[in-house]
Each structure stands twice: as structure tokens, then as C-alpha cells.
N, C-alpha and C. Protein backbone atom coordinates (compact mmCIF):
# COMPACT_ATOMS: atom_id res chain seq x y z
N UNK A 1 114.94 123.33 103.42
CA UNK A 1 116.31 122.12 102.45
C UNK A 1 116.76 121.31 103.61
N UNK A 2 116.30 120.47 102.90
CA UNK A 2 117.01 119.21 103.29
C UNK A 2 118.44 119.57 103.61
N UNK A 3 118.34 118.29 105.37
CA UNK A 3 120.32 118.69 105.09
C UNK A 3 120.82 117.29 104.56
N UNK A 4 122.21 116.75 104.34
CA UNK A 4 122.52 115.75 104.00
C UNK A 4 121.96 114.14 104.20
N UNK A 5 121.93 115.10 106.03
CA UNK A 5 122.05 113.35 106.26
C UNK A 5 120.40 112.59 106.41
N UNK A 6 119.34 113.67 106.10
CA UNK A 6 117.90 113.51 105.72
C UNK A 6 117.60 112.94 104.58
N UNK A 7 118.81 114.01 103.61
CA UNK A 7 118.47 113.71 102.33
C UNK A 7 118.82 111.63 101.93
N UNK A 8 119.99 111.25 102.67
CA UNK A 8 119.76 110.43 102.59
C UNK A 8 119.42 109.63 103.55
N UNK A 9 119.03 109.72 104.44
CA UNK A 9 117.59 109.01 104.27
C UNK A 9 116.49 108.86 104.35
N UNK A 10 116.07 110.66 103.47
CA UNK A 10 114.65 110.18 103.12
C UNK A 10 115.00 108.95 101.50
N UNK A 11 116.21 109.21 100.53
CA UNK A 11 116.17 108.05 100.03
C UNK A 11 116.79 107.07 100.27
N UNK A 12 117.01 106.74 101.27
CA UNK A 12 116.74 105.15 102.06
C UNK A 12 116.10 104.23 101.99
N UNK A 13 114.78 105.83 102.70
CA UNK A 13 112.56 104.89 103.00
C UNK A 13 112.90 104.60 101.83
N UNK A 14 113.16 105.72 100.59
CA UNK A 14 113.13 105.58 99.60
C UNK A 14 112.71 104.02 98.61
N UNK A 15 114.24 104.01 98.47
CA UNK A 15 114.68 102.29 97.97
C UNK A 15 114.13 101.31 98.58
N UNK A 16 113.50 101.70 100.07
CA UNK A 16 113.72 100.36 100.64
C UNK A 16 111.66 99.70 100.63
N UNK A 17 111.10 101.63 100.54
CA UNK A 17 109.99 101.01 99.72
C UNK A 17 109.44 100.37 98.39
N UNK A 18 110.47 100.96 97.57
CA UNK A 18 110.68 99.99 96.02
C UNK A 18 111.27 98.49 96.07
N UNK A 19 112.06 98.27 96.78
CA UNK A 19 112.11 96.93 97.29
C UNK A 19 111.16 96.89 97.43
N UNK A 20 110.15 96.79 98.94
CA UNK A 20 109.09 96.60 98.82
C UNK A 20 107.72 96.17 97.79
N UNK A 21 107.80 97.14 97.22
CA UNK A 21 106.99 97.34 96.61
C UNK A 21 107.57 96.18 94.97
N UNK A 22 108.53 96.56 94.55
CA UNK A 22 109.28 95.78 93.87
C UNK A 22 108.53 94.22 94.18
N UNK A 23 109.56 93.37 95.28
CA UNK A 23 108.63 92.39 96.26
C UNK A 23 107.13 91.37 95.76
N UNK A 24 106.54 92.80 96.08
CA UNK A 24 105.24 92.58 96.09
C UNK A 24 104.36 92.20 94.83
N UNK A 25 105.42 93.04 93.86
CA UNK A 25 104.39 92.88 92.01
C UNK A 25 105.51 91.60 91.82
N UNK A 26 106.59 90.87 92.21
CA UNK A 26 107.19 89.98 91.98
C UNK A 26 105.78 88.61 92.36
N UNK A 27 105.48 89.07 93.95
CA UNK A 27 104.62 87.39 94.21
C UNK A 27 103.35 87.66 93.07
N UNK A 28 102.58 88.98 93.15
CA UNK A 28 101.62 89.04 92.26
C UNK A 28 101.69 87.95 90.54
N UNK A 29 102.97 88.55 89.82
CA UNK A 29 102.96 87.86 89.10
C UNK A 29 102.93 86.58 88.77
N UNK A 30 104.12 86.24 90.10
CA UNK A 30 103.75 84.88 90.45
C UNK A 30 101.98 83.72 90.09
N UNK A 31 101.85 84.27 91.80
CA UNK A 31 100.72 83.81 91.92
C UNK A 31 99.55 84.77 90.41
N UNK A 32 99.13 84.84 90.00
CA UNK A 32 98.44 84.68 88.31
C UNK A 32 99.61 84.04 87.65
N UNK A 33 100.68 83.81 87.34
CA UNK A 33 100.91 82.91 86.26
C UNK A 33 100.18 82.27 85.86
N UNK A 34 100.47 81.10 84.48
CA UNK A 34 99.84 79.95 84.42
C UNK A 34 100.15 78.96 85.41
N UNK A 35 99.87 76.93 85.05
CA UNK A 35 100.53 76.33 86.07
C UNK A 35 101.81 75.73 85.75
N UNK A 36 101.42 75.27 86.32
CA UNK A 36 103.21 74.15 86.07
C UNK A 36 103.28 73.37 84.65
N UNK A 37 103.20 72.96 83.94
CA UNK A 37 103.87 72.28 82.84
C UNK A 37 103.45 70.59 82.59
N UNK A 38 103.68 70.28 84.59
CA UNK A 38 103.31 69.39 84.01
C UNK A 38 101.76 68.76 85.45
N UNK A 39 101.10 70.02 84.84
CA UNK A 39 99.48 69.57 85.92
C UNK A 39 99.69 70.33 87.21
N UNK A 40 100.63 70.25 87.95
CA UNK A 40 100.44 70.76 89.41
C UNK A 40 100.21 71.36 90.08
N UNK A 41 99.37 71.43 90.87
CA UNK A 41 98.66 72.94 91.31
C UNK A 41 99.79 73.16 92.09
N UNK A 42 99.75 74.97 91.91
CA UNK A 42 100.82 75.63 92.68
C UNK A 42 100.98 75.70 94.17
N UNK A 43 99.70 75.27 94.75
CA UNK A 43 99.27 75.55 96.53
C UNK A 43 99.81 74.33 96.86
N UNK A 44 99.39 73.06 96.12
CA UNK A 44 99.66 72.29 97.38
C UNK A 44 100.16 70.72 96.31
N UNK A 45 100.23 70.95 95.36
CA UNK A 45 101.65 70.07 94.85
C UNK A 45 99.94 69.03 93.95
N UNK A 46 99.37 68.77 94.64
CA UNK A 46 98.54 67.84 93.48
C UNK A 46 98.41 67.77 91.94
N UNK A 47 97.55 67.05 90.92
CA UNK A 47 97.27 67.24 89.79
C UNK A 47 95.58 67.84 89.81
N UNK A 48 96.07 69.10 89.24
CA UNK A 48 95.15 70.39 88.04
C UNK A 48 93.31 69.55 88.28
N UNK A 49 93.96 68.80 87.20
CA UNK A 49 93.12 67.52 87.28
C UNK A 49 92.02 67.86 85.00
N UNK A 50 92.48 66.71 84.69
CA UNK A 50 92.46 67.34 83.49
C UNK A 50 91.03 67.74 82.86
N UNK A 51 89.28 67.92 84.12
CA UNK A 51 88.70 68.51 83.31
C UNK A 51 88.59 70.30 83.64
N UNK A 52 89.34 70.22 84.69
CA UNK A 52 89.50 71.63 85.23
C UNK A 52 90.51 72.65 83.73
N UNK A 53 92.15 71.43 84.18
CA UNK A 53 92.88 72.29 82.75
C UNK A 53 92.24 72.13 81.39
N UNK A 54 90.88 70.86 80.62
CA UNK A 54 90.18 71.46 79.87
C UNK A 54 89.04 72.58 79.83
N UNK A 55 88.53 73.21 80.84
CA UNK A 55 87.96 73.95 81.60
C UNK A 55 88.63 74.99 80.72
N UNK A 56 89.99 75.07 82.26
CA UNK A 56 91.00 76.89 82.21
C UNK A 56 92.33 76.02 81.54
N UNK A 57 92.21 76.45 80.80
CA UNK A 57 93.58 75.74 80.55
C UNK A 57 95.36 76.24 80.91
N UNK A 58 94.50 77.25 81.42
CA UNK A 58 95.96 78.00 82.31
C UNK A 58 95.89 77.95 84.21
N UNK A 59 94.30 76.94 83.92
CA UNK A 59 94.61 76.91 85.71
C UNK A 59 95.81 76.78 87.22
N UNK A 60 96.15 77.64 87.34
CA UNK A 60 97.40 77.61 88.56
C UNK A 60 96.96 77.14 89.62
N UNK A 61 95.94 76.44 90.05
CA UNK A 61 95.48 75.63 91.03
C UNK A 61 94.34 74.77 90.77
N UNK A 62 94.47 73.58 91.81
CA UNK A 62 93.51 72.52 91.68
C UNK A 62 91.96 73.37 91.86
N UNK A 63 90.59 72.38 91.74
CA UNK A 63 89.84 73.84 92.32
C UNK A 63 89.55 74.09 93.63
N UNK A 64 89.74 73.03 94.46
CA UNK A 64 89.90 73.43 96.10
C UNK A 64 90.55 74.60 96.20
N UNK A 65 91.77 74.39 95.89
CA UNK A 65 92.49 75.65 96.70
C UNK A 65 92.56 76.40 95.76
N UNK A 66 91.88 76.93 94.16
CA UNK A 66 90.89 77.83 93.79
C UNK A 66 90.00 78.10 94.91
N UNK A 67 89.11 77.62 95.24
CA UNK A 67 88.28 78.09 96.31
C UNK A 67 88.17 79.24 96.98
N UNK A 68 89.57 78.56 97.43
CA UNK A 68 90.13 78.73 99.26
C UNK A 68 90.47 80.40 98.73
N UNK A 69 91.72 80.24 97.21
CA UNK A 69 92.29 81.69 97.32
C UNK A 69 91.35 82.35 96.91
N UNK A 70 90.18 82.48 96.33
CA UNK A 70 89.33 82.85 95.92
C UNK A 70 88.72 83.49 97.69
N UNK A 71 88.27 82.65 98.20
CA UNK A 71 87.58 83.17 99.42
C UNK A 71 88.59 85.34 99.66
N UNK A 72 90.19 83.92 99.78
CA UNK A 72 90.89 84.62 101.01
C UNK A 72 90.97 85.55 100.12
N UNK A 73 90.60 86.17 98.74
CA UNK A 73 90.79 87.84 98.00
C UNK A 73 89.58 88.47 98.53
N UNK A 74 88.20 87.88 98.18
CA UNK A 74 87.19 88.40 98.81
C UNK A 74 87.08 88.89 100.83
N UNK A 75 88.48 88.40 101.54
CA UNK A 75 88.70 88.54 102.63
C UNK A 75 88.63 89.48 102.79
N UNK A 76 90.65 89.99 101.69
CA UNK A 76 91.65 90.83 102.23
C UNK A 76 90.70 92.35 101.15
N UNK A 77 89.65 92.03 100.02
CA UNK A 77 88.60 92.86 99.48
C UNK A 77 87.72 94.05 100.93
N UNK A 78 87.15 92.76 101.50
CA UNK A 78 87.05 93.48 102.80
C UNK A 78 87.07 94.73 103.36
N UNK A 79 88.27 94.05 103.10
CA UNK A 79 89.33 95.36 104.68
C UNK A 79 90.07 96.27 103.96
């Protein structure tokens, strides 16, 4: 049986974990969001480029930043 203090501590811990998970989800959704309406890369702010936007209309990153992003994801997947 949990004491009231243990219950409150467990509830606070659960709330903290929920907040961290929500922030991670918001970040992930923001990272997966389509590019900005003006065609600027969400990483460096440079123009994404007409050829890339024609090939992938929802591109959020220029090709250079996308390559870096994918390499980082591959590295994270290894660990």
C-alpha cells in the first residue's frame, strides 16, 4: 500500500514523464511538418530550390540539410 507521500511523488513523476513525452512528440511533429510557405529550409533558412520542391513539394529542408538530417537519424538508429 502506498502512503500519501509516495502516491504524490509517483503522480509527479508520471506528470513529468508525460510532459517530456509530449514535448518530444511536438518536436517530432514539427520536424516532420512540411516546409515553410516561403520555401525556406527549416534548418538553415536558405531557399530550398525549385527542383527539390518540384520533386518533393512538402520538403522542409534544402538538399544539403536533408542529407545531414538523414545521416543523424541513421546514427541514432545504430545506438
